[in-house]
Amino acid sequence: MNNEKIRLFLVDDDALFLKSLEIEFLQHADFTIETFATGELCIENLSHTPDVIILDYLLDDVDKNAMNGIETLDKIKAFNPDIPVVMLSAQDKIDVAISCMHHRAFDYVVKSETAFFRLQKIISTIFLYQKMEKELTWYMEKM
């Protein structure tokens, strides 16, 4: 990405949580952030090429008929399977986390006082992982 800002999509139907998360990211790192209250809006804007998407699991506060997080995750992965998606939820249930991982989420974070710090660490891990993949590919092509 060469000194470009990380393009981050935040998708959550809780407007207050969404705004506080956006403020935290803007205060602590150099991001370009787009926020969306529904999965549908996120999907409509995937052409903006996000580097990472933080996606709420439920997404039904704004519209009870809206796509949930898993449906949105599936559509993101169908559009581009390489976009890392971190699922975020108030649900602290192992079966929910497993379901998210089964649908190819990069990670799962429970909404809490420490969620922002966990998300920061996960985003760092994502870019470290991508760098390692590129280096490995380069080495394999040289052999």
Protein backbone atom coordinates (compact mmCIF):
# COMPACT_ATOMS: atom_id res chain seq x y z
CA MET A 1 0.00 0.00 0.00
CA ASN A 2 3.08 2.24 0.15
CA ASN A 3 2.14 5.02 2.58
CA GLU A 4 -1.47 5.05 1.45
CA LYS A 5 -4.11 5.20 4.13
CA ILE A 6 -5.79 1.94 5.02
CA ARG A 7 -9.34 1.97 3.63
CA LEU A 8 -11.60 0.67 6.38
CA PHE A 9 -15.30 -0.11 6.11
CA LEU A 10 -17.26 -0.11 9.38
CA VAL A 11 -20.69 -1.75 9.15
CA ASP A 12 -22.99 -1.62 12.18
CA ASP A 13 -26.66 -0.81 12.70
CA ASP A 14 -25.96 0.72 16.15
CA ALA A 15 -25.35 4.36 15.16
CA LEU A 16 -23.77 5.33 18.47
CA PHE A 17 -21.36 2.38 18.50
CA LEU A 18 -20.54 2.95 14.82
CA LYS A 19 -19.68 6.62 15.43
CA SER A 20 -17.59 5.86 18.52
CA LEU A 21 -15.65 3.17 16.62
CA GLU A 22 -15.06 5.58 13.74
CA ILE A 23 -13.77 8.25 16.12
CA GLU A 24 -11.45 5.76 17.85
CA PHE A 25 -9.92 4.66 14.54
CA LEU A 26 -9.51 8.23 13.30
CA GLN A 27 -7.81 9.30 16.55
CA HIS A 28 -5.38 6.38 16.74
CA ALA A 29 -4.34 5.66 13.17
CA ASP A 30 -4.26 6.96 9.63
CA PHE A 31 -7.36 5.43 8.05
CA THR A 32 -9.82 6.34 5.34
CA ILE A 33 -13.12 5.21 6.83
CA GLU A 34 -16.52 4.61 5.29
CA THR A 35 -19.41 3.73 7.60
CA PHE A 36 -22.59 1.88 6.71
CA ALA A 37 -25.71 1.09 8.74
CA THR A 38 -26.67 -1.94 6.61
CA GLY A 39 -25.01 -4.79 4.80
CA GLU A 40 -26.74 -3.73 1.61
CA LEU A 41 -25.01 -0.33 1.70
CA CYS A 42 -21.67 -2.01 2.30
CA ILE A 43 -22.16 -4.34 -0.67
CA GLU A 44 -23.17 -1.40 -2.91
CA ASN A 45 -19.85 0.30 -2.10
CA LEU A 46 -17.41 -2.62 -2.43
CA SER A 47 -16.07 -1.02 -5.61
CA HIS A 48 -14.35 1.48 -3.28
CA THR A 49 -11.90 -1.38 -2.56
CA PRO A 50 -11.75 -1.61 1.22
CA ASP A 51 -8.58 -3.06 2.72
CA VAL A 52 -10.49 -4.36 5.76
CA ILE A 53 -14.15 -4.58 6.73
CA ILE A 54 -15.39 -4.60 10.32
CA LEU A 55 -18.88 -6.12 10.12
CA ASP A 56 -21.60 -6.44 12.76
CA TYR A 57 -23.16 -9.87 13.11
CA LEU A 58 -26.88 -9.01 13.43
CA LEU A 59 -27.59 -5.77 11.48
CA ASP A 60 -31.34 -5.78 12.11
CA ASP A 61 -31.95 -2.59 14.14
CA VAL A 62 -32.43 -0.27 11.15
CA ASP A 63 -34.52 -2.69 9.08
CA LYS A 64 -35.79 -6.05 10.35
CA ASN A 65 -35.65 -7.37 6.76
CA ALA A 66 -32.07 -6.25 6.17
CA MET A 67 -29.31 -8.75 5.41
CA ASN A 68 -27.61 -10.05 8.51
CA GLY A 69 -23.85 -10.07 8.97
CA ILE A 70 -23.39 -13.63 7.71
CA GLU A 71 -25.32 -12.92 4.50
CA THR A 72 -23.30 -9.75 4.03
CA LEU A 73 -20.06 -11.65 4.69
CA ASP A 74 -20.99 -14.24 2.06
CA LYS A 75 -21.68 -11.50 -0.52
CA ILE A 76 -18.39 -9.75 0.29
CA LYS A 77 -16.50 -13.03 -0.17
CA ALA A 78 -18.34 -13.69 -3.44
CA PHE A 79 -17.31 -10.21 -4.66
CA ASN A 80 -13.69 -10.60 -3.53
CA PRO A 81 -12.58 -13.51 -1.33
CA ASP A 82 -9.36 -11.67 -0.42
CA ILE A 83 -11.01 -8.81 1.50
CA PRO A 84 -10.40 -9.52 5.20
CA VAL A 85 -13.61 -9.26 7.22
CA VAL A 86 -13.64 -9.09 11.01
CA MET A 87 -17.01 -9.91 12.53
CA LEU A 88 -18.14 -7.90 15.52
CA SER A 89 -21.02 -8.75 17.81
CA ALA A 90 -22.49 -8.34 21.26
CA GLN A 91 -23.09 -12.10 21.15
CA ASP A 92 -20.48 -13.85 23.29
CA LYS A 93 -21.33 -17.33 22.03
CA ILE A 94 -18.84 -19.80 20.65
CA ASP A 95 -21.30 -21.16 18.06
CA VAL A 96 -21.74 -17.65 16.62
CA ALA A 97 -17.97 -17.20 16.38
CA ILE A 98 -17.57 -20.62 14.75
CA SER A 99 -20.30 -19.82 12.23
CA CYS A 100 -18.53 -16.58 11.29
CA MET A 101 -15.22 -18.36 10.83
CA HIS A 102 -16.94 -21.08 8.77
CA HIS A 103 -18.14 -18.30 6.44
CA ARG A 104 -14.50 -17.15 6.04
CA ALA A 105 -14.33 -14.25 8.47
CA PHE A 106 -10.75 -13.41 9.39
CA ASP A 107 -11.66 -13.10 13.08
CA TYR A 108 -14.50 -12.52 15.53
CA VAL A 109 -14.61 -9.84 18.24
CA VAL A 110 -17.16 -9.42 21.01
CA LYS A 111 -18.31 -5.84 21.56
CA SER A 112 -16.81 -4.70 24.85
CA GLU A 113 -14.62 -2.01 26.38
CA THR A 114 -11.58 -3.67 24.79
CA ALA A 115 -13.08 -4.28 21.32
CA PHE A 116 -11.30 -1.33 19.70
CA PHE A 117 -7.88 -2.47 20.93
CA ARG A 118 -8.54 -6.02 19.75
CA LEU A 119 -9.60 -4.69 16.35
CA GLN A 120 -6.42 -2.62 16.08
CA LYS A 121 -4.32 -5.66 16.85
CA ILE A 122 -6.25 -7.82 14.36
CA ILE A 123 -5.80 -5.22 11.59
CA SER A 124 -2.04 -5.21 12.27
CA THR A 125 -2.07 -9.00 12.09
CA ILE A 126 -3.95 -8.91 8.78
CA PHE A 127 -1.28 -6.75 7.16
CA LEU A 128 1.56 -8.77 8.63
CA TYR A 129 -0.09 -11.95 7.30
CA GLN A 130 -0.54 -10.39 3.84
CA LYS A 131 3.10 -9.28 3.80
CA MET A 132 4.24 -12.79 4.71
CA GLU A 133 2.04 -14.28 1.96
CA LYS A 134 3.59 -11.95 -0.63
CA GLU A 135 7.11 -12.79 0.51
CA LEU A 136 6.38 -16.51 0.45
CA THR A 137 4.92 -16.24 -3.05
CA TRP A 138 8.00 -14.32 -4.19
CA TYR A 139 10.34 -16.98 -2.74
CA MET A 140 8.33 -19.83 -4.24
CA GLU A 141 8.43 -18.21 -7.69
CA LYS A 142 12.21 -17.85 -7.43
CA MET A 143 12.74 -21.54 -6.74
